[in-house]
Protein backbone atom coordinates (compact mmCIF):
# COMPACT_ATOMS: atom_id res chain seq x y z
CA MET A 1 -85.87 -92.11 25.58
CA GLY A 2 -83.21 -94.77 25.45
CA PRO A 3 -80.21 -95.13 27.75
CA ASP A 4 -78.03 -93.44 25.11
CA GLY A 5 -80.35 -90.44 24.66
CA HIS A 6 -82.04 -91.72 21.52
CA THR A 7 -85.67 -91.04 20.79
CA CYS A 8 -87.90 -92.81 18.30
CA SER A 9 -85.13 -94.66 16.45
CA LEU A 10 -82.91 -91.60 16.12
CA PHE A 11 -79.60 -92.61 17.64
CA PRO A 12 -76.61 -90.44 18.59
CA GLY A 13 -74.22 -90.03 15.66
CA HIS A 14 -76.58 -91.57 13.09
CA SER A 15 -77.02 -89.92 9.68
CA LEU A 16 -80.83 -89.81 10.10
CA LEU A 17 -80.32 -87.02 12.64
CA GLU A 18 -79.67 -84.74 9.67
CA GLU A 19 -82.75 -85.74 7.63
CA GLN A 20 -84.58 -82.55 6.65
CA SER A 21 -87.35 -83.56 4.22
CA ARG A 22 -88.74 -87.03 4.96
CA TRP A 23 -91.09 -87.35 7.92
CA VAL A 24 -90.58 -91.12 8.20
CA ALA A 25 -87.44 -93.03 7.28
CA ALA A 26 -86.12 -96.57 7.29
CA ILE A 27 -83.11 -97.43 9.40
CA ALA A 28 -81.23 -100.59 8.48
CA ASP A 29 -78.29 -100.26 10.88
CA SER A 30 -79.82 -99.56 14.28
CA PRO A 31 -77.33 -100.04 17.11
CA LYS A 32 -80.17 -101.64 19.09
CA LEU A 33 -82.15 -104.68 18.03
CA PRO A 34 -84.01 -104.99 15.82
CA SER A 35 -81.47 -103.50 13.42
CA GLN A 36 -84.10 -102.76 10.75
CA ARG A 37 -86.78 -100.25 11.82
CA ILE A 38 -88.77 -97.27 10.68
CA THR A 39 -88.71 -93.98 12.55
CA PHE A 40 -90.17 -90.53 12.60
CA THR A 41 -87.55 -87.90 11.77
CA PHE A 42 -86.97 -84.45 13.25
CA PRO A 43 -89.18 -82.64 10.72
CA VAL A 44 -92.22 -84.45 12.15
CA LEU A 45 -91.04 -84.26 15.77
CA LEU A 46 -90.48 -80.50 15.51
CA ALA A 47 -93.90 -80.04 13.87
CA ALA A 48 -95.70 -81.88 16.69
CA ARG A 49 -98.37 -80.04 18.64
CA ASN A 50 -97.32 -81.93 21.76
CA ALA A 51 -94.30 -84.07 22.55
CA VAL A 52 -94.11 -86.16 25.71
CA PHE A 53 -91.29 -88.06 27.36
CA VAL A 54 -91.89 -90.52 30.19
CA ALA A 55 -88.98 -91.76 32.26
CA CYS A 56 -89.04 -93.85 35.40
CA GLY A 57 -86.38 -95.25 37.66
CA GLU A 58 -82.92 -94.46 38.89
CA SER A 59 -81.33 -95.93 35.76
CA LYS A 60 -82.77 -93.01 33.74
CA ALA A 61 -81.59 -90.24 36.10
CA LEU A 62 -78.26 -89.41 34.46
CA MET A 63 -79.68 -89.43 30.92
CA VAL A 64 -82.67 -87.29 31.98
CA LYS A 65 -80.22 -84.75 33.44
CA ARG A 66 -78.08 -84.77 30.28
CA VAL A 67 -81.10 -84.33 28.00
CA VAL A 68 -83.10 -81.81 30.05
CA GLU A 69 -80.12 -79.62 30.91
CA GLY A 70 -78.91 -79.90 27.31
CA VAL A 71 -75.22 -79.08 27.71
CA GLU A 72 -73.95 -81.60 25.15
CA ASP A 73 -72.47 -80.59 21.80
CA PRO A 74 -73.79 -81.99 19.59
CA PRO A 75 -77.03 -82.38 21.53
CA LEU A 76 -78.37 -85.83 22.20
CA PRO A 77 -81.30 -86.77 19.95
CA ALA A 78 -83.87 -86.53 22.76
CA ALA A 79 -82.58 -83.05 23.63
CA ARG A 80 -83.33 -81.90 20.07
CA VAL A 81 -87.06 -82.54 20.47
CA LYS A 82 -88.40 -78.99 20.82
CA PRO A 83 -91.69 -78.54 18.98
CA ARG A 84 -91.70 -75.22 17.10
CA ASN A 85 -95.32 -74.34 17.84
CA GLY A 86 -96.19 -76.90 20.47
CA SER A 87 -95.26 -78.03 23.91
CA LEU A 88 -92.78 -80.48 25.38
CA VAL A 89 -93.77 -82.27 28.58
CA TRP A 90 -91.72 -84.57 30.79
CA PHE A 91 -93.34 -87.06 33.17
CA LEU A 92 -90.72 -88.28 35.65
CA ASP A 93 -90.81 -90.20 38.86
CA GLU A 94 -88.63 -89.07 41.78
CA ASP A 95 -85.84 -91.48 40.93
CA ALA A 96 -85.57 -90.36 37.29
CA ALA A 97 -85.65 -86.67 38.34
CA ARG A 98 -83.23 -86.94 41.25
CA LEU A 99 -80.20 -85.38 39.50
CA LEU A 100 -82.02 -82.36 38.04
CA ARG A 101 -81.23 -78.92 39.41
CA LYS A 102 -83.90 -77.65 41.78
CA ASP A 103 -83.86 -74.03 40.50
């Protein structure tokens, strides 16, 4: 997960967030270098048996909170990763998890 909530190379506000048929797509205008990439799309991410995020460090804490608590509209790309018939697992260190609610 990137500092802007992107996952794979699916960036907030990018048209590839709406891709419904291709499982892999080219991106030629990535806001992060390199600008030309390939990425999985949400059809493959949502079909995954298991999806895993790993985040470490205090610099990730606010974005982890925003993604895990999922209160954004539209949701950040990482918050949209919810496998239909699989599991989503987060591995966080204390610093990355420090802003999450304890309940």
